[in-house]
Structure formats: C-alpha cells, structure tokens
C-alpha cells in the first residue's frame, strides 16, 4: 500500500512540474529544455542513484542479519 502512495505522489509531482514548465514555455519564457536535462543529469540524478544504492545496501545487510 505504501508503494502505491509513493507512485501516485511522485506521478502527481512530476505531472504538475511538467505543467509548470509547459506554461512557462507557452508564456514565452525562454527555457532551454536541453540545458535543464543536462543539469539534472549532471547534478541531480547521481544523488538520487546514490540514495537508492545506499538503501539497497542497507536492505541487503538487514536481510543477511535476519538469516
């Protein structure tokens, strides 16, 4: 049940984020989507990957201790 909540919450946040970017572009605000994607790839995604890697290691460690 928790995972469904997380999926729905993430989907809603992404949806409204995309709407915000689309409205800024439609209003004539000069956004460079490629620059935003490059920034996210360089700085944001590695931290997200690190977070999930640490969670995976902790889950594996806990699984090993329970056996």
PDB file of N, CA and C in Angstrom:
ATOM      1  N   UNK A   1       0.822  -1.188   0.000  1.00  0.00           N
ATOM      2  CA  UNK A   1       0.000   0.000   0.000  1.00  0.00           C
ATOM      3  C   UNK A   1       0.870   1.256   0.000  1.00  0.00           C
ATOM      4  N   UNK A   2       2.006   1.169   0.715  1.00  0.00           N
ATOM      5  CA  UNK A   2       2.901   2.321   0.760  1.00  0.00           C
ATOM      6  C   UNK A   2       3.459   2.644  -0.612  1.00  0.00           C
ATOM      7  N   UNK A   3       3.807   1.610  -1.375  1.00  0.00           N
ATOM      8  CA  UNK A   3       4.399   1.840  -2.688  1.00  0.00           C
ATOM      9  C   UNK A   3       3.401   2.510  -3.627  1.00  0.00           C
ATOM     10  N   UNK A   4       2.136   2.163  -3.526  1.00  0.00           N
ATOM     11  CA  UNK A   4       1.119   2.817  -4.357  1.00  0.00           C
ATOM     12  C   UNK A   4       1.053   4.298  -4.012  1.00  0.00           C
ATOM     13  N   UNK A   5       1.111   4.614  -2.736  1.00  0.00           N
ATOM     14  CA  UNK A   5       1.104   6.012  -2.306  1.00  0.00           C
ATOM     15  C   UNK A   5       2.290   6.763  -2.894  1.00  0.00           C
ATOM     16  N   UNK A   6       3.470   6.142  -2.853  1.00  0.00           N
ATOM     17  CA  UNK A   6       4.672   6.790  -3.384  1.00  0.00           C
ATOM     18  C   UNK A   6       4.572   6.984  -4.892  1.00  0.00           C
ATOM     19  N   UNK A   7       4.063   5.983  -5.610  1.00  0.00           N
ATOM     20  CA  UNK A   7       3.914   6.111  -7.057  1.00  0.00           C
ATOM     21  C   UNK A   7       2.937   7.223  -7.419  1.00  0.00           C
ATOM     22  N   UNK A   8       1.828   7.274  -6.721  1.00  0.00           N
ATOM     23  CA  UNK A   8       0.828   8.309  -7.004  1.00  0.00           C
ATOM     24  C   UNK A   8       1.383   9.685  -6.672  1.00  0.00           C
ATOM     25  N   UNK A   9       2.031   9.819  -5.530  1.00  0.00           N
ATOM     26  CA  UNK A   9       2.605  11.108  -5.133  1.00  0.00           C
ATOM     27  C   UNK A   9       3.658  11.567  -6.122  1.00  0.00           C
ATOM     28  N   UNK A  10       4.534  10.675  -6.518  1.00  0.00           N
ATOM     29  CA  UNK A  10       5.572  11.019  -7.485  1.00  0.00           C
ATOM     30  C   UNK A  10       4.959  11.404  -8.822  1.00  0.00           C
ATOM     31  N   UNK A  11       3.962  10.669  -9.249  1.00  0.00           N
ATOM     32  CA  UNK A  11       3.311  10.972 -10.521  1.00  0.00           C
ATOM     33  C   UNK A  11       2.656  12.348 -10.505  1.00  0.00           C
ATOM     34  N   UNK A  12       2.008  12.681  -9.405  1.00  0.00           N
ATOM     35  CA  UNK A  12       1.353  13.985  -9.301  1.00  0.00           C
ATOM     36  C   UNK A  12       2.388  15.113  -9.315  1.00  0.00           C
ATOM     37  N   UNK A  13       3.480  14.941  -8.600  1.00  0.00           N
ATOM     38  CA  UNK A  13       4.531  15.963  -8.571  1.00  0.00           C
ATOM     39  C   UNK A  13       5.135  16.151  -9.957  1.00  0.00           C
ATOM     40  N   UNK A  14       5.438  15.052 -10.631  1.00  0.00           N
ATOM     41  CA  UNK A  14       6.010  15.139 -11.980  1.00  0.00           C
ATOM     42  C   UNK A  14       5.012  15.790 -12.935  1.00  0.00           C
ATOM     43  N   UNK A  15       3.759  15.409 -12.832  1.00  0.00           N
ATOM     44  CA  UNK A  15       2.725  15.978 -13.700  1.00  0.00           C
ATOM     45  C   UNK A  15       2.641  17.491 -13.546  1.00  0.00           C
ATOM     46  N   UNK A  16       2.563  17.970 -12.304  1.00  0.00           N
ATOM     47  CA  UNK A  16       2.456  19.406 -12.093  1.00  0.00           C
ATOM     48  C   UNK A  16       3.756  20.129 -12.449  1.00  0.00           C
ATOM     49  N   UNK A  17       4.878  19.459 -12.273  1.00  0.00           N
ATOM     50  CA  UNK A  17       6.141  20.044 -12.703  1.00  0.00           C
ATOM     51  C   UNK A  17       6.188  20.238 -14.208  1.00  0.00           C
ATOM     52  N   UNK A  18       5.732  19.237 -14.938  1.00  0.00           N
ATOM     53  CA  UNK A  18       5.697  19.358 -16.395  1.00  0.00           C
ATOM     54  C   UNK A  18       4.714  20.429 -16.849  1.00  0.00           C
ATOM     55  N   UNK A  19       3.599  20.534 -16.158  1.00  0.00           N
ATOM     56  CA  UNK A  19       2.637  21.591 -16.486  1.00  0.00           C
ATOM     57  C   UNK A  19       3.262  22.961 -16.243  1.00  0.00           C
ATOM     58  N   UNK A  20       4.001  23.103 -15.160  1.00  0.00           N
ATOM     59  CA  UNK A  20       4.646  24.384 -14.868  1.00  0.00           C
ATOM     60  C   UNK A  20       5.660  24.751 -15.944  1.00  0.00           C
ATOM     61  N   UNK A  21       6.466  23.803 -16.364  1.00  0.00           N
ATOM     62  CA  UNK A  21       7.453  24.067 -17.412  1.00  0.00           C
ATOM     63  C   UNK A  21       6.757  24.394 -18.722  1.00  0.00           C
ATOM     64  N   UNK A  22       5.700  23.647 -19.053  1.00  0.00           N
ATOM     65  CA  UNK A  22       4.973  23.894 -20.299  1.00  0.00           C
ATOM     66  C   UNK A  22       4.319  25.273 -20.299  1.00  0.00           C
ATOM     67  N   UNK A  23       3.791  25.687 -19.150  1.00  0.00           N
ATOM     68  CA  UNK A  23       3.160  27.005 -19.094  1.00  0.00           C
ATOM     69  C   UNK A  23       4.187  28.117 -19.210  1.00  0.00           C
ATOM     70  N   UNK A  24       5.381  27.909 -18.669  1.00  0.00           N
ATOM     71  CA  UNK A  24       6.436  28.910 -18.813  1.00  0.00           C
ATOM     72  C   UNK A  24       6.884  29.028 -20.263  1.00  0.00           C
ATOM     73  N   UNK A  25       6.980  27.906 -20.944  1.00  0.00           N
ATOM     74  CA  UNK A  25       7.371  27.922 -22.355  1.00  0.00           C
ATOM     75  C   UNK A  25       6.281  28.582 -23.183  1.00  0.00           C
ATOM     76  N   UNK A  26       5.015  28.269 -22.893  1.00  0.00           N
ATOM     77  CA  UNK A  26       3.899  28.852 -23.636  1.00  0.00           C
ATOM     78  C   UNK A  26       3.795  30.355 -23.403  1.00  0.00           C
ATOM     79  N   UNK A  27       4.221  30.806 -22.237  1.00  0.00           N
ATOM     80  CA  UNK A  27       4.152  32.234 -21.921  1.00  0.00           C
ATOM     81  C   UNK A  27       5.304  33.010 -22.542  1.00  0.00           C
ATOM     82  N   UNK A  28       6.196  32.309 -23.216  1.00  0.00           N
ATOM     83  CA  UNK A  28       7.288  32.992 -23.878  1.00  0.00           C
ATOM     84  C   UNK A  28       8.561  33.059 -23.061  1.00  0.00           C
ATOM     85  N   UNK A  29       8.568  32.407 -21.911  1.00  0.00           N
ATOM     86  CA  UNK A  29       9.777  32.388 -21.095  1.00  0.00           C
ATOM     87  C   UNK A  29      10.783  31.503 -21.787  1.00  0.00           C
ATOM     88  N   UNK A  30      11.937  32.016 -22.070  1.00  0.00           N
ATOM     89  CA  UNK A  30      12.917  31.295 -22.863  1.00  0.00           C
ATOM     90  C   UNK A  30      13.596  30.231 -22.017  1.00  0.00           C
ATOM     91  N   UNK A  31      13.110  29.010 -22.127  1.00  0.00           N
ATOM     92  CA  UNK A  31      13.727  27.906 -21.394  1.00  0.00           C
ATOM     93  C   UNK A  31      14.432  26.997 -22.377  1.00  0.00           C
ATOM     94  N   UNK A  32      15.542  26.539 -21.978  1.00  0.00           N
ATOM     95  CA  UNK A  32      16.286  25.591 -22.785  1.00  0.00           C
ATOM     96  C   UNK A  32      16.160  24.236 -22.117  1.00  0.00           C
ATOM     97  N   UNK A  33      15.264  23.421 -22.638  1.00  0.00           N
ATOM     98  CA  UNK A  33      14.979  22.124 -22.031  1.00  0.00           C
ATOM     99  C   UNK A  33      16.230  21.250 -22.023  1.00  0.00           C
ATOM    100  N   UNK A  34      17.049  21.359 -23.055  1.00  0.00           N
ATOM    101  CA  UNK A  34      18.276  20.564 -23.107  1.00  0.00           C
ATOM    102  C   UNK A  34      19.209  20.950 -21.961  1.00  0.00           C
ATOM    103  N   UNK A  35      19.292  22.228 -21.637  1.00  0.00           N
ATOM    104  CA  UNK A  35      20.147  22.675 -20.533  1.00  0.00           C
ATOM    105  C   UNK A  35      19.616  22.169 -19.196  1.00  0.00           C
ATOM    106  N   UNK A  36      18.310  22.166 -19.045  1.00  0.00           N
ATOM    107  CA  UNK A  36      17.704  21.658 -17.811  1.00  0.00           C
ATOM    108  C   UNK A  36      17.975  20.159 -17.675  1.00  0.00           C
ATOM    109  N   UNK A  37      17.815  19.421 -18.777  1.00  0.00           N
ATOM    110  CA  UNK A  37      18.071  17.983 -18.751  1.00  0.00           C
ATOM    111  C   UNK A  37      19.540  17.706 -18.468  1.00  0.00           C
ATOM    112  N   UNK A  38      20.427  18.505 -19.030  1.00  0.00           N
ATOM    113  CA  UNK A  38      21.861  18.328 -18.787  1.00  0.00           C
ATOM    114  C   UNK A  38      22.198  18.575 -17.322  1.00  0.00           C
ATOM    115  N   UNK A  39      21.624  19.628 -16.750  1.00  0.00           N
ATOM    116  CA  UNK A  39      21.869  19.940 -15.341  1.00  0.00           C
ATOM    117  C   UNK A  39      21.366  18.803 -14.449  1.00  0.00           C
ATOM    118  N   UNK A  40      20.166  18.311 -14.741  1.00  0.00           N
ATOM    119  CA  UNK A  40      19.603  17.227 -13.932  1.00  0.00           C
ATOM    120  C   UNK A  40      20.462  15.971 -14.044  1.00  0.00           C
ATOM    121  N   UNK A  41      20.962  15.701 -15.237  1.00  0.00           N
ATOM    122  CA  UNK A  41      21.793  14.517 -15.437  1.00  0.00           C
ATOM    123  C   UNK A  41      23.119  14.648 -14.705  1.00  0.00           C
ATOM    124  N   UNK A  42      23.678  15.832 -14.705  1.00  0.00           N
ATOM    125  CA  UNK A  42      24.981  16.038 -14.062  1.00  0.00           C
ATOM    126  C   UNK A  42      24.902  16.069 -12.543  1.00  0.00           C
ATOM    127  N   UNK A  43      23.925  16.767 -12.010  1.00  0.00           N
ATOM    128  CA  UNK A  43      23.924  17.058 -10.574  1.00  0.00           C
ATOM    129  C   UNK A  43      22.830  16.346  -9.785  1.00  0.00           C
ATOM    130  N   UNK A  44      21.685  16.142 -10.363  1.00  0.00           N
ATOM    131  CA  UNK A  44      20.557  15.608  -9.609  1.00  0.00           C
ATOM    132  C   UNK A  44      20.512  14.082  -9.636  1.00  0.00           C
ATOM    133  N   UNK A  45      20.632  13.492 -10.797  1.00  0.00           N
ATOM    134  CA  UNK A  45      20.492  12.045 -10.911  1.00  0.00           C
ATOM    135  C   UNK A  45      21.557  11.253 -10.154  1.00  0.00           C
ATOM    136  N   UNK A  46      22.818  11.696 -10.108  1.00  0.00           N
ATOM    137  CA  UNK A  46      23.791  10.931  -9.308  1.00  0.00           C
ATOM    138  C   UNK A  46      23.432  10.854  -7.822  1.00  0.00           C
ATOM    139  N   UNK A  47      22.875  11.918  -7.280  1.00  0.00           N
ATOM    140  CA  UNK A  47      22.474  11.896  -5.868  1.00  0.00           C
ATOM    141  C   UNK A  47      21.299  10.952  -5.648  1.00  0.00           C
ATOM    142  N   UNK A  48      20.378  10.932  -6.598  1.00  0.00           N
ATOM    143  CA  UNK A  48      19.241  10.016  -6.494  1.00  0.00           C
ATOM    144  C   UNK A  48      19.728   8.575  -6.579  1.00  0.00           C
ATOM    145  N   UNK A  49      20.637   8.312  -7.510  1.00  0.00           N
ATOM    146  CA  UNK A  49      21.193   6.959  -7.646  1.00  0.00           C
ATOM    147  C   UNK A  49      21.945   6.553  -6.384  1.00  0.00           C
ATOM    148  N   UNK A  50      22.706   7.470  -5.811  1.00  0.00           N
ATOM    149  CA  UNK A  50      23.433   7.175  -4.578  1.00  0.00           C
ATOM    150  C   UNK A  50      22.475   6.853  -3.437  1.00  0.00           C
ATOM    151  N   UNK A  51      21.404   7.613  -3.310  1.00  0.00           N
ATOM    152  CA  UNK A  51      20.403   7.374  -2.273  1.00  0.00           C
ATOM    153  C   UNK A  51      19.834   5.955  -2.393  1.00  0.00           C
ATOM    154  N   UNK A  52      19.430   5.569  -3.606  1.00  0.00           N
ATOM    155  CA  UNK A  52      18.843   4.251  -3.788  1.00  0.00           C
ATOM    156  C   UNK A  52      19.875   3.150  -3.623  1.00  0.00           C
ATOM    157  N   UNK A  53      21.122   3.396  -3.989  1.00  0.00           N
ATOM    158  CA  UNK A  53      22.179   2.412  -3.777  1.00  0.00           C
ATOM    159  C   UNK A  53      22.396   2.172  -2.283  1.00  0.00           C
ATOM    160  N   UNK A  54      22.408   3.237  -1.503  1.00  0.00           N
ATOM    161  CA  UNK A  54      22.571   3.100  -0.049  1.00  0.00           C
ATOM    162  C   UNK A  54      21.395   2.334   0.550  1.00  0.00           C
ATOM    163  N   UNK A  55      20.190   2.614   0.091  1.00  0.00           N
ATOM    164  CA  UNK A  55      19.018   1.873   0.571  1.00  0.00           C
ATOM    165  C   UNK A  55      19.124   0.395   0.238  1.00  0.00           C
ATOM    166  N   UNK A  56      19.623   0.094  -0.964  1.00  0.00           N
ATOM    167  CA  UNK A  56      19.773  -1.300  -1.366  1.00  0.00           C
ATOM    168  C   UNK A  56      20.788  -2.014  -0.481  1.00  0.00           C
ATOM    169  N   UNK A  57      21.910  -1.357  -0.205  1.00  0.00           N
ATOM    170  CA  UNK A  57      22.941  -1.956   0.646  1.00  0.00           C
ATOM    171  C   UNK A  57      22.394  -2.204   2.043  1.00  0.00           C
ATOM    172  N   UNK A  58      21.661  -1.252   2.592  1.00  0.00           N
ATOM    173  CA  UNK A  58      21.077  -1.435   3.930  1.00  0.00           C
ATOM    174  C   UNK A  58      20.083  -2.588   3.950  1.00  0.00           C
ATOM    175  N   UNK A  59      19.279  -2.717   2.882  1.00  0.00           N
ATOM    176  CA  UNK A  59      18.306  -3.810   2.815  1.00  0.00           C
ATOM    177  C   UNK A  59      19.012  -5.154   2.736  1.00  0.00           C
ATOM    178  N   UNK A  60      20.096  -5.219   1.974  1.00  0.00           N
ATOM    179  CA  UNK A  60      20.853  -6.464   1.866  1.00  0.00           C
ATOM    180  C   UNK A  60      21.496  -6.811   3.206  1.00  0.00           C
ATOM    181  N   UNK A  61      22.022  -5.801   3.906  1.00  0.00           N
ATOM    182  CA  UNK A  61      22.632  -6.048   5.209  1.00  0.00           C
ATOM    183  C   UNK A  61      21.597  -6.556   6.208  1.00  0.00           C
ATOM    184  N   UNK A  62      20.417  -5.947   6.221  1.00  0.00           N
ATOM    185  CA  UNK A  62      19.377  -6.389   7.150  1.00  0.00           C
ATOM    186  C   UNK A  62      18.903  -7.801   6.823  1.00  0.00           C
ATOM    187  N   UNK A  63      18.828  -8.104   5.533  1.00  0.00           N
ATOM    188  CA  UNK A  63      18.417  -9.441   5.135  1.00  0.00           C
ATOM    189  C   UNK A  63      19.443 -10.476   5.591  1.00  0.00           C
ATOM    190  N   UNK A  64      20.724 -10.123   5.533  1.00  0.00           N
ATOM    191  CA  UNK A  64      21.778 -11.023   5.976  1.00  0.00           C
ATOM    192  C   UNK A  64      21.763 -11.230   7.477  1.00  0.00           C
ATOM    193  N   UNK A  65      21.394 -10.205   8.230  1.00  0.00           N
ATOM    194  CA  UNK A  65      21.366 -10.324   9.696  1.00  0.00           C
ATOM    195  C   UNK A  65      20.177 -11.155  10.163  1.00  0.00           C
ATOM    196  N   UNK A  66      19.074 -11.123   9.424  1.00  0.00           N
ATOM    197  CA  UNK A  66      17.879 -11.866   9.857  1.00  0.00           C
ATOM    198  C   UNK A  66      17.996 -13.346   9.598  1.00  0.00           C
ATOM    199  N   UNK A  67      18.904 -13.769   8.724  1.00  0.00           N
ATOM    200  CA  UNK A  67      19.067 -15.208   8.426  1.00  0.00           C
ATOM    201  C   UNK A  67      19.866 -15.881   9.456  1.00  0.00           C
TER     202      UNK A  67
END
